C-alpha atoms as a PDB file:
ATOM      1  CA  MET A   1     157.075  87.484 105.862  1.00  0.00           C
ATOM      2  CA  VAL A   2     160.656  86.699 107.067  1.00  0.00           C
ATOM      3  CA  VAL A   3     161.215  88.880 110.618  1.00  0.00           C
ATOM      4  CA  VAL A   4     158.031  86.972 111.544  1.00  0.00           C
ATOM      5  CA  THR A   5     158.728  83.665 112.697  1.00  0.00           C
ATOM      6  CA  ALA A   6     162.329  85.132 114.087  1.00  0.00           C
ATOM      7  CA  ILE A   7     161.029  85.954 117.756  1.00  0.00           C
ATOM      8  CA  LEU A   8     161.209  82.072 118.157  1.00  0.00           C
ATOM      9  CA  PHE A   9     164.449  81.912 117.909  1.00  0.00           C
ATOM     10  CA  PHE A  10     165.690  83.735 120.635  1.00  0.00           C
ATOM     11  CA  SER A  11     168.323  81.993 123.209  1.00  0.00           C
ATOM     12  CA  ALA A  12     166.750  81.043 126.313  1.00  0.00           C
ATOM     13  CA  GLU A  13     169.726  82.217 128.417  1.00  0.00           C
ATOM     14  CA  LYS A  14     169.813  85.283 130.032  1.00  0.00           C
ATOM     15  CA  GLU A  15     173.181  87.764 130.596  1.00  0.00           C
ATOM     16  CA  ARG A  16     173.526  90.415 133.656  1.00  0.00           C
ATOM     17  CA  VAL A  17     175.405  92.604 132.531  1.00  0.00           C
ATOM     18  CA  VAL A  18     174.945  95.021 135.250  1.00  0.00           C
ATOM     19  CA  GLN A  19     176.265  94.049 138.906  1.00  0.00           C
ATOM     20  CA  PRO A  20     174.863  97.658 140.753  1.00  0.00           C
ATOM     21  CA  LYS A  21     177.170  99.029 142.818  1.00  0.00           C
ATOM     22  CA  SER A  22     174.553 101.479 144.559  1.00  0.00           C
ATOM     23  CA  SER A  23     171.135 102.510 145.806  1.00  0.00           C
ATOM     24  CA  SER A  24     171.786 104.265 141.873  1.00  0.00           C
ATOM     25  CA  GLU A  25     172.617 101.253 139.531  1.00  0.00           C
ATOM     26  CA  VAL A  26     170.117  98.853 138.774  1.00  0.00           C
ATOM     27  CA  ALA A  27     170.394  95.121 137.962  1.00  0.00           C
ATOM     28  CA  THR A  28     169.703  95.115 133.761  1.00  0.00           C
ATOM     29  CA  THR A  29     168.901  91.485 132.519  1.00  0.00           C
ATOM     30  CA  VAL A  30     169.323  91.481 128.849  1.00  0.00           C
ATOM     31  CA  TYR A  31     168.181  89.171 126.519  1.00  0.00           C
ATOM     32  CA  ARG A  32     170.475  87.580 123.507  1.00  0.00           C
ATOM     33  CA  VAL A  33     169.817  86.978 120.239  1.00  0.00           C
ATOM     34  CA  ASP A  34     171.239  83.925 119.217  1.00  0.00           C
ATOM     35  CA  GLN A  35     173.713  85.187 116.435  1.00  0.00           C
ATOM     36  CA  GLU A  36     173.501  81.556 114.945  1.00  0.00           C
ATOM     37  CA  VAL A  37     170.502  81.808 113.342  1.00  0.00           C
ATOM     38  CA  SER A  38     169.817  85.637 113.207  1.00  0.00           C
ATOM     39  CA  ASN A  39     172.107  88.253 112.345  1.00  0.00           C
ATOM     40  CA  VAL A  40     170.433  89.862 109.630  1.00  0.00           C
ATOM     41  CA  THR A  41     170.602  93.695 110.322  1.00  0.00           C
ATOM     42  CA  TYR A  42     169.303  96.749 109.857  1.00  0.00           C
ATOM     43  CA  ARG A  43     170.871 100.391 109.186  1.00  0.00           C
ATOM     44  CA  VAL A  44     169.576 102.323 110.862  1.00  0.00           C
ATOM     45  CA  VAL A  45     168.844 106.697 109.118  1.00  0.00           C
ATOM     46  CA  THR A  46     167.357 108.213 112.486  1.00  0.00           C
ATOM     47  CA  VAL A  47     166.510 108.297 115.787  1.00  0.00           C
ATOM     48  CA  VAL A  48     162.898 110.152 115.924  1.00  0.00           C
ATOM     49  CA  ASP A  49     163.008 109.727 119.647  1.00  0.00           C
ATOM     50  CA  GLY A  50     163.596 107.412 122.329  1.00  0.00           C
ATOM     51  CA  ASP A  51     161.226 104.558 121.066  1.00  0.00           C
ATOM     52  CA  THR A  52     161.376 105.447 117.568  1.00  0.00           C
ATOM     53  CA  ILE A  53     164.039 104.386 115.044  1.00  0.00           C
ATOM     54  CA  LYS A  54     163.709 104.542 111.235  1.00  0.00           C
ATOM     55  CA  ILE A  55     165.592 102.069 109.340  1.00  0.00           C
ATOM     56  CA  ILE A  56     166.477 100.930 105.560  1.00  0.00           C
ATOM     57  CA  ARG A  57     164.261  97.698 104.820  1.00  0.00           C
ATOM     58  CA  ASN A  58     163.684  96.013 101.793  1.00  0.00           C
ATOM     59  CA  GLY A  59     165.408  99.079 100.371  1.00  0.00           C
ATOM     60  CA  THR A  60     162.909 101.372 102.119  1.00  0.00           C
ATOM     61  CA  THR A  61     162.773 104.100 105.260  1.00  0.00           C
ATOM     62  CA  THR A  62     160.700 101.835 107.514  1.00  0.00           C
ATOM     63  CA  THR A  63     159.775 103.408 111.180  1.00  0.00           C
ATOM     64  CA  VAL A  64     160.037 101.299 114.046  1.00  0.00           C
ATOM     65  CA  ARG A  65     157.972 101.616 117.389  1.00  0.00           C
ATOM     66  CA  LEU A  66     159.865 100.032 119.693  1.00  0.00           C
ATOM     67  CA  ILE A  67     157.654  96.987 121.881  1.00  0.00           C
ATOM     68  CA  GLY A  68     157.414  97.352 125.521  1.00  0.00           C
ATOM     69  CA  VAL A  69     158.174 100.303 126.301  1.00  0.00           C
ATOM     70  CA  ASP A  70     157.636 105.034 126.168  1.00  0.00           C
ATOM     71  CA  THR A  71     159.516 107.038 126.217  1.00  0.00           C
ATOM     72  CA  PRO A  72     158.657 111.060 126.913  1.00  0.00           C
ATOM     73  CA  GLU A  73     157.428 112.201 123.909  1.00  0.00           C
ATOM     74  CA  THR A  74     159.720 114.870 122.119  1.00  0.00           C
ATOM     75  CA  VAL A  75     158.141 115.438 118.708  1.00  0.00           C
ATOM     76  CA  ASP A  76     154.315 114.780 118.470  1.00  0.00           C
ATOM     77  CA  PRO A  77     153.180 117.946 117.572  1.00  0.00           C
ATOM     78  CA  ARG A  78     150.112 117.601 119.926  1.00  0.00           C
ATOM     79  CA  LYS A  79     151.806 117.929 123.216  1.00  0.00           C
ATOM     80  CA  PRO A  80     154.831 119.431 124.726  1.00  0.00           C
ATOM     81  CA  GLN A  81     158.130 118.388 124.881  1.00  0.00           C
ATOM     82  CA  GLN A  82     157.964 115.793 128.428  1.00  0.00           C
ATOM     83  CA  CYS A  83     159.933 115.647 130.783  1.00  0.00           C
ATOM     84  CA  PHE A  84     163.415 113.406 130.348  1.00  0.00           C
ATOM     85  CA  GLY A  85     162.439 112.890 126.518  1.00  0.00           C
ATOM     86  CA  LYS A  86     165.124 115.004 125.760  1.00  0.00           C
ATOM     87  CA  GLU A  87     167.333 112.681 127.225  1.00  0.00           C
ATOM     88  CA  ALA A  88     165.727 109.568 126.158  1.00  0.00           C
ATOM     89  CA  SER A  89     165.845 110.218 123.136  1.00  0.00           C
ATOM     90  CA  THR A  90     170.263 111.544 123.377  1.00  0.00           C
ATOM     91  CA  GLU A  91     170.262 107.718 124.854  1.00  0.00           C
ATOM     92  CA  THR A  92     168.922 106.359 122.026  1.00  0.00           C
ATOM     93  CA  LYS A  93     170.667 108.174 119.602  1.00  0.00           C
ATOM     94  CA  ARG A  94     174.553 107.209 121.795  1.00  0.00           C
ATOM     95  CA  LEU A  95     173.569 103.405 121.994  1.00  0.00           C
ATOM     96  CA  ILE A  96     172.538 103.020 118.224  1.00  0.00           C
ATOM     97  CA  SER A  97     175.700 105.098 117.415  1.00  0.00           C
ATOM     98  CA  GLU A  98     177.727 103.388 119.472  1.00  0.00           C
ATOM     99  CA  SER A  99     176.195  99.232 118.071  1.00  0.00           C
ATOM    100  CA  GLY A 100     177.216 101.253 114.098  1.00  0.00           C
ATOM    101  CA  TRP A 101     174.072 102.616 112.891  1.00  0.00           C
ATOM    102  CA  GLU A 102     173.346  98.620 112.991  1.00  0.00           C
ATOM    103  CA  VAL A 103     170.232  96.645 114.541  1.00  0.00           C
ATOM    104  CA  ARG A 104     169.144  93.857 114.436  1.00  0.00           C
ATOM    105  CA  VAL A 105     164.528  94.204 114.266  1.00  0.00           C
ATOM    106  CA  VAL A 106     162.692  91.237 115.323  1.00  0.00           C
ATOM    107  CA  ASP A 107     158.909  91.466 116.113  1.00  0.00           C
ATOM    108  CA  ASP A 108     156.526  89.803 118.512  1.00  0.00           C
ATOM    109  CA  ALA A 109     153.837  87.308 116.908  1.00  0.00           C
ATOM    110  CA  THR A 110     151.733  88.295 120.583  1.00  0.00           C
ATOM    111  CA  GLN A 111     151.036  92.043 119.041  1.00  0.00           C
ATOM    112  CA  GLY A 112     149.947  93.263 115.805  1.00  0.00           C
ATOM    113  CA  GLU A 113     153.064  94.433 113.296  1.00  0.00           C
ATOM    114  CA  TYR A 114     152.039  97.585 113.458  1.00  0.00           C
ATOM    115  CA  ASP A 115     150.901  99.974 115.483  1.00  0.00           C
ATOM    116  CA  LYS A 116     147.525 102.511 114.114  1.00  0.00           C
ATOM    117  CA  TYR A 117     150.110 105.116 112.611  1.00  0.00           C
ATOM    118  CA  GLY A 118     152.214 102.910 110.595  1.00  0.00           C
ATOM    119  CA  ARG A 119     155.196 102.135 112.624  1.00  0.00           C
ATOM    120  CA  LEU A 120     156.757  98.837 112.867  1.00  0.00           C
ATOM    121  CA  LEU A 121     156.129  97.011 116.113  1.00  0.00           C
ATOM    122  CA  ALA A 122     159.403  95.593 116.780  1.00  0.00           C
ATOM    123  CA  TYR A 123     162.611  94.670 119.650  1.00  0.00           C
ATOM    124  CA  VAL A 124     166.024  95.983 118.908  1.00  0.00           C
ATOM    125  CA  TYR A 125     169.090  94.682 119.113  1.00  0.00           C
ATOM    126  CA  LEU A 126     172.839  96.548 119.526  1.00  0.00           C
ATOM    127  CA  HIS A 127     175.134  94.903 117.535  1.00  0.00           C
ATOM    128  CA  ASN A 128     176.465  93.148 121.111  1.00  0.00           C
ATOM    129  CA  GLY A 129     172.934  91.758 121.478  1.00  0.00           C
ATOM    130  CA  THR A 130     171.601  94.592 124.088  1.00  0.00           C
ATOM    131  CA  LEU A 131     167.733  94.593 124.116  1.00  0.00           C
ATOM    132  CA  LEU A 132     166.936  98.162 123.777  1.00  0.00           C
ATOM    133  CA  ASP A 133     163.660  98.436 124.438  1.00  0.00           C
ATOM    134  CA  GLU A 134     163.727  96.644 128.005  1.00  0.00           C
ATOM    135  CA  TYR A 135     167.539  99.369 128.218  1.00  0.00           C
ATOM    136  CA  LEU A 136     165.198 102.290 127.859  1.00  0.00           C
ATOM    137  CA  VAL A 137     162.747 101.029 130.863  1.00  0.00           C
ATOM    138  CA  ALA A 138     165.939  99.920 132.846  1.00  0.00           C
ATOM    139  CA  LYS A 139     167.330 103.558 133.463  1.00  0.00           C
ATOM    140  CA  GLY A 140     165.051 105.222 133.749  1.00  0.00           C
ATOM    141  CA  TYR A 141     165.016 106.563 130.072  1.00  0.00           C
ATOM    142  CA  GLY A 142     160.670 105.559 129.718  1.00  0.00           C
ATOM    143  CA  ARG A 143     157.626 103.495 131.499  1.00  0.00           C
ATOM    144  CA  GLU A 144     157.146  99.439 130.786  1.00  0.00           C
ATOM    145  CA  TYR A 145     154.477  99.714 128.056  1.00  0.00           C
ATOM    146  CA  THR A 146     151.453  97.505 127.108  1.00  0.00           C
ATOM    147  CA  PHE A 147     148.818  98.292 124.219  1.00  0.00           C
ATOM    148  CA  LYS A 148     145.772  97.579 125.284  1.00  0.00           C
ATOM    149  CA  ASN A 149     146.545  95.160 127.808  1.00  0.00           C
ATOM    150  CA  SER A 150     147.918  93.426 125.190  1.00  0.00           C
ATOM    151  CA  THR A 151     150.828  90.634 126.828  1.00  0.00           C
ATOM    152  CA  TYR A 152     153.436  90.411 125.029  1.00  0.00           C
ATOM    153  CA  GLN A 153     156.894  87.797 125.258  1.00  0.00           C
ATOM    154  CA  PHE A 154     159.444  90.330 127.340  1.00  0.00           C
ATOM    155  CA  GLN A 155     156.329  91.486 129.594  1.00  0.00           C
ATOM    156  CA  LYS A 156     157.759  90.167 133.837  1.00  0.00           C
ATOM    157  CA  GLN A 157     161.285  91.094 132.765  1.00  0.00           C
ATOM    158  CA  PHE A 158     160.024  95.168 131.185  1.00  0.00           C
ATOM    159  CA  ARG A 159     158.103  95.437 134.028  1.00  0.00           C
ATOM    160  CA  ARG A 160     160.828  94.324 136.730  1.00  0.00           C
ATOM    161  CA  ALA A 161     163.011  96.930 134.933  1.00  0.00           C
ATOM    162  CA  GLN A 162     160.930  99.382 135.515  1.00  0.00           C
ATOM    163  CA  VAL A 163     160.103  98.262 139.325  1.00  0.00           C
ATOM    164  CA  ASN A 164     164.097  98.318 139.999  1.00  0.00           C
ATOM    165  CA  ALA A 165     164.151 101.946 138.412  1.00  0.00           C
ATOM    166  CA  ARG A 166     161.934 103.049 140.010  1.00  0.00           C
ATOM    167  CA  ALA A 167     163.713 101.873 143.360  1.00  0.00           C
ATOM    168  CA  ALA A 168     166.791 103.525 142.445  1.00  0.00           C
ATOM    169  CA  SER A 169     165.495 106.547 141.745  1.00  0.00           C
ATOM    170  CA  LEU A 170     166.931 106.373 138.157  1.00  0.00           C
ATOM    171  CA  GLY A 171     166.618 108.527 134.701  1.00  0.00           C
ATOM    172  CA  LEU A 172     163.016 109.572 134.904  1.00  0.00           C
ATOM    173  CA  TRP A 173     162.016 108.234 138.471  1.00  0.00           C
ATOM    174  CA  SER A 174     164.537 110.470 140.165  1.00  0.00           C
ATOM    175  CA  THR A 175     162.855 113.172 142.281  1.00  0.00           C
ATOM    176  CA  GLN A 176     165.914 116.016 140.615  1.00  0.00           C
ATOM    177  CA  THR A 177     164.366 115.104 136.966  1.00  0.00           C
ATOM    178  CA  CYS A 178     160.908 114.334 136.657  1.00  0.00           C
ATOM    179  CA  ALA A 179     159.604 114.073 140.560  1.00  0.00           C
ATOM    180  CA  GLY A 180     159.269 110.867 140.572  1.00  0.00           C
ATOM    181  CA  GLY A 181     157.688 109.924 137.346  1.00  0.00           C
ATOM    182  CA  ARG A 182     154.381 111.210 138.885  1.00  0.00           C
END
């Protein structure tokens, strides 16, 4: 499988993409894919919710669960729609639409290939190199998520992004949306 070794091809450089202008903004560190090595993109056919999308891969529709982020539920039939779930789903759709419905999907060798629901576990990069998983945490659309204490490649960065988003009362951390993420 081509995707299995793709995680080794990340550029080590970080790029600061947002400078905070006030306490309501937070700096986001975005990891860029090395364009010379990985330029394979996949067509997104639907955004299921804030942390799950469907892509066309090898001619079939594949459901992808973003690694390291958990957005509030909107489509789980066993649960009511959670606070800020609609906003997280809308933001994911907006970003993927701005990316031309094309994304890069990269696995993490520290995680399983699929979760218990059969979803491919992966990081999703937009056309401009933005790591969608981290962006959602950094802007307060979701929480950092570690599955069963299984450390993943960008865990420290995602946790730092959550601390910053919470400190800036962004998204679900705002007392005006979800009572500060409680």
